[in-house]
C-alpha atoms as a PDB file:
ATOM      1  CA  MET A   1      -0.002  -0.011  -0.012  1.00  0.00           C
ATOM      2  CA  SER A   2       1.232   3.327  -0.876  1.00  0.00           C
ATOM      3  CA  ARG A   3       1.733   6.231   1.641  1.00  0.00           C
ATOM      4  CA  VAL A   4      -1.129   8.145   0.029  1.00  0.00           C
ATOM      5  CA  GLN A   5      -3.494   5.158   0.277  1.00  0.00           C
ATOM      6  CA  ALA A   6      -2.576   4.585   3.880  1.00  0.00           C
ATOM      7  CA  GLN A   7      -3.219   8.238   4.741  1.00  0.00           C
ATOM      8  CA  SER A   8      -6.637   8.230   3.000  1.00  0.00           C
ATOM      9  CA  ASN A   9      -7.345   4.988   4.928  1.00  0.00           C
ATOM     10  CA  VAL A  10      -6.660   6.710   8.142  1.00  0.00           C
ATOM     11  CA  PHE A  11      -8.729   9.735   7.198  1.00  0.00           C
ATOM     12  CA  ALA A  12     -11.635   7.506   6.079  1.00  0.00           C
ATOM     13  CA  ALA A  13     -11.350   5.479   9.301  1.00  0.00           C
ATOM     14  CA  VAL A  14     -11.624   8.478  11.525  1.00  0.00           C
ATOM     15  CA  ALA A  15     -14.390   9.992   9.434  1.00  0.00           C
ATOM     16  CA  ASP A  16     -16.947   7.638  10.863  1.00  0.00           C
ATOM     17  CA  PRO A  17     -18.455   8.309  14.322  1.00  0.00           C
ATOM     18  CA  THR A  18     -18.588   4.624  15.334  1.00  0.00           C
ATOM     19  CA  ARG A  19     -14.872   4.172  14.569  1.00  0.00           C
ATOM     20  CA  ARG A  20     -14.012   7.423  16.499  1.00  0.00           C
ATOM     21  CA  ALA A  21     -15.991   5.981  19.446  1.00  0.00           C
ATOM     22  CA  ILE A  22     -14.078   2.764  19.264  1.00  0.00           C
ATOM     23  CA  LEU A  23     -10.710   4.690  19.239  1.00  0.00           C
ATOM     24  CA  GLU A  24     -11.886   6.805  22.269  1.00  0.00           C
ATOM     25  CA  LEU A  25     -12.768   3.647  24.090  1.00  0.00           C
ATOM     26  CA  LEU A  26      -9.399   2.170  23.462  1.00  0.00           C
ATOM     27  CA  ARG A  27      -7.579   5.253  24.550  1.00  0.00           C
ATOM     28  CA  ASP A  28      -7.292   4.078  28.138  1.00  0.00           C
ATOM     29  CA  GLY A  29      -6.164   0.593  27.223  1.00  0.00           C
ATOM     30  CA  GLU A  30      -6.834  -2.675  25.655  1.00  0.00           C
ATOM     31  CA  GLN A  31     -10.439  -4.099  25.522  1.00  0.00           C
ATOM     32  CA  THR A  32     -12.337  -7.135  24.380  1.00  0.00           C
ATOM     33  CA  VAL A  33     -14.602  -6.961  21.319  1.00  0.00           C
ATOM     34  CA  SER A  34     -17.679  -7.460  23.640  1.00  0.00           C
ATOM     35  CA  ALA A  35     -16.557  -4.601  25.928  1.00  0.00           C
ATOM     36  CA  LEU A  36     -16.043  -2.283  22.984  1.00  0.00           C
ATOM     37  CA  LEU A  37     -19.460  -3.147  21.442  1.00  0.00           C
ATOM     38  CA  GLU A  38     -21.001  -2.472  24.883  1.00  0.00           C
ATOM     39  CA  GLY A  39     -19.248   0.844  25.170  1.00  0.00           C
ATOM     40  CA  VAL A  40     -20.287   1.925  21.721  1.00  0.00           C
ATOM     41  CA  HIS A  41     -23.992   1.000  22.599  1.00  0.00           C
ATOM     42  CA  LYS A  42     -23.663   3.011  25.844  1.00  0.00           C
ATOM     43  CA  ARG A  43     -22.889   6.016  23.588  1.00  0.00           C
ATOM     44  CA  ALA A  44     -26.223   5.518  21.817  1.00  0.00           C
ATOM     45  CA  ILE A  45     -24.571   4.232  18.677  1.00  0.00           C
ATOM     46  CA  ASN A  46     -26.550   1.311  17.343  1.00  0.00           C
ATOM     47  CA  ALA A  47     -24.286  -1.118  15.466  1.00  0.00           C
ATOM     48  CA  THR A  48     -25.018  -4.807  14.817  1.00  0.00           C
ATOM     49  CA  GLN A  49     -22.230  -7.400  15.541  1.00  0.00           C
ATOM     50  CA  SER A  50     -21.641  -7.677  11.812  1.00  0.00           C
ATOM     51  CA  ALA A  51     -21.377  -3.889  11.273  1.00  0.00           C
ATOM     52  CA  PHE A  52     -19.131  -3.588  14.307  1.00  0.00           C
ATOM     53  CA  SER A  53     -16.833  -6.241  12.921  1.00  0.00           C
ATOM     54  CA  GLN A  54     -16.606  -4.239   9.704  1.00  0.00           C
ATOM     55  CA  HIS A  55     -15.753  -1.076  11.636  1.00  0.00           C
ATOM     56  CA  LEU A  56     -12.878  -3.017  13.438  1.00  0.00           C
ATOM     57  CA  ALA A  57     -11.709  -4.273  10.036  1.00  0.00           C
ATOM     58  CA  VAL A  58     -11.495  -0.697   8.636  1.00  0.00           C
ATOM     59  CA  LEU A  59      -9.534   0.347  11.752  1.00  0.00           C
ATOM     60  CA  ARG A  60      -7.213  -2.647  11.389  1.00  0.00           C
ATOM     61  CA  GLY A  61      -6.769  -1.853   7.683  1.00  0.00           C
ATOM     62  CA  ALA A  62      -5.760   1.618   8.582  1.00  0.00           C
ATOM     63  CA  GLY A  63      -3.257   0.443  11.174  1.00  0.00           C
ATOM     64  CA  LEU A  64      -5.117   2.240  13.926  1.00  0.00           C
ATOM     65  CA  VAL A  65      -5.830  -0.812  16.054  1.00  0.00           C
ATOM     66  CA  ARG A  66      -4.189  -4.128  16.667  1.00  0.00           C
ATOM     67  CA  HIS A  67      -5.558  -7.268  18.183  1.00  0.00           C
ATOM     68  CA  ARG A  68      -4.439 -10.428  19.990  1.00  0.00           C
ATOM     69  CA  LYS A  69      -6.365 -13.524  20.694  1.00  0.00           C
ATOM     70  CA  GLU A  70      -6.432 -15.058  24.212  1.00  0.00           C
ATOM     71  CA  GLY A  71      -8.513 -18.152  24.242  1.00  0.00           C
ATOM     72  CA  ARG A  72     -11.805 -17.290  22.594  1.00  0.00           C
ATOM     73  CA  LYS A  73     -11.411 -13.656  23.182  1.00  0.00           C
ATOM     74  CA  ARG A  74      -9.814 -10.875  20.968  1.00  0.00           C
ATOM     75  CA  TYR A  75      -8.363  -7.961  22.699  1.00  0.00           C
ATOM     76  CA  TYR A  76      -7.900  -4.676  20.729  1.00  0.00           C
ATOM     77  CA  ARG A  77      -5.554  -1.782  21.423  1.00  0.00           C
ATOM     78  CA  VAL A  78      -5.129   1.507  19.721  1.00  0.00           C
ATOM     79  CA  GLU A  79      -1.988   2.270  17.616  1.00  0.00           C
ATOM     80  CA  PRO A  80      -1.751   6.028  17.635  1.00  0.00           C
ATOM     81  CA  ALA A  81       1.027   6.513  15.228  1.00  0.00           C
ATOM     82  CA  PRO A  82      -1.187   6.715  12.037  1.00  0.00           C
ATOM     83  CA  LEU A  83      -3.148   9.501  13.744  1.00  0.00           C
ATOM     84  CA  GLU A  84      -0.132  11.728  13.423  1.00  0.00           C
ATOM     85  CA  GLU A  85      -1.053  12.397   9.843  1.00  0.00           C
ATOM     86  CA  VAL A  86      -4.540  13.629  10.896  1.00  0.00           C
ATOM     87  CA  SER A  87      -2.924  15.711  13.667  1.00  0.00           C
ATOM     88  CA  MET A  88      -0.599  17.307  11.239  1.00  0.00           C
ATOM     89  CA  TRP A  89      -3.422  18.147   8.836  1.00  0.00           C
ATOM     90  CA  ILE A  90      -5.554  19.686  11.553  1.00  0.00           C
ATOM     91  CA  HIS A  91      -2.640  21.638  12.826  1.00  0.00           C
ATOM     92  CA  TYR A  92      -2.306  23.152   9.342  1.00  0.00           C
ATOM     93  CA  PHE A  93      -5.545  25.068  10.114  1.00  0.00           C
ATOM     94  CA  ASP A  94      -4.315  26.348  13.532  1.00  0.00           C
ATOM     95  CA  LYS A  95      -3.397  29.691  12.025  1.00  0.00           C
ATOM     96  CA  PHE A  96      -6.878  30.107  10.534  1.00  0.00           C
ATOM     97  CA  TRP A  97      -8.547  29.539  14.028  1.00  0.00           C
ATOM     98  CA  GLU A  98      -5.986  31.732  15.832  1.00  0.00           C
ATOM     99  CA  GLU A  99      -6.721  34.685  13.518  1.00  0.00           C
ATOM    100  CA  LYS A 100     -10.519  34.158  13.847  1.00  0.00           C
ATOM    101  CA  LEU A 101     -10.249  34.030  17.634  1.00  0.00           C
ATOM    102  CA  ASP A 102      -7.938  37.066  17.692  1.00  0.00           C
ATOM    103  CA  ASN A 103     -10.455  38.981  15.576  1.00  0.00           C
ATOM    104  CA  LEU A 104     -13.379  37.864  17.887  1.00  0.00           C
ATOM    105  CA  GLY A 105     -11.331  39.054  20.876  1.00  0.00           C
ATOM    106  CA  HIS A 106     -10.638  42.527  19.243  1.00  0.00           C
ATOM    107  CA  TYR A 107     -14.282  42.781  18.456  1.00  0.00           C
ATOM    108  CA  LEU A 108     -15.423  41.936  22.010  1.00  0.00           C
ATOM    109  CA  ASP A 109     -12.886  44.308  23.436  1.00  0.00           C
ATOM    110  CA  ARG A 110     -14.268  47.170  21.127  1.00  0.00           C
ATOM    111  CA  GLU A 111     -17.940  46.444  21.819  1.00  0.00           C
ATOM    112  CA  HIS A 112     -17.456  45.956  25.608  1.00  0.00           C
ATOM    113  CA  GLY A 113     -15.368  48.950  26.334  1.00  0.00           C
ATOM    114  CA  LYS A 114     -11.875  47.470  26.550  1.00  0.00           C
ATOM    115  CA  GLU A 115      -9.530  49.568  24.378  1.00  0.00           C
ATOM    116  CA  THR A 116      -6.483  47.922  22.989  1.00  0.00           C
ATOM    117  CA  ASN A 117      -3.554  49.621  21.351  1.00  0.00           C
END
């Protein structure tokens, strides 16, 4: 797989709210598939076992999770390294938000009597 394909897989993987919820659940450590599915349902995300398995497959394909088998159970853990590409892309827009927030601050200062030089 090329680097561009891997990056697009990561962006596609995190674009889905169910997959983001899975990553959030794994943030604190390894979990079984059943614990992950229960955690997703607690977040009011309805996913069948089949759909949930497909979400895990997408995350595995993007390199965002790994699993290990122990007896009949599969334990998943997050692999955060591929998220660096997403973080770098988001960081690219920091300047935009900083400018917008600065402008908002100046506006509020003008409208509410705080003068700035």
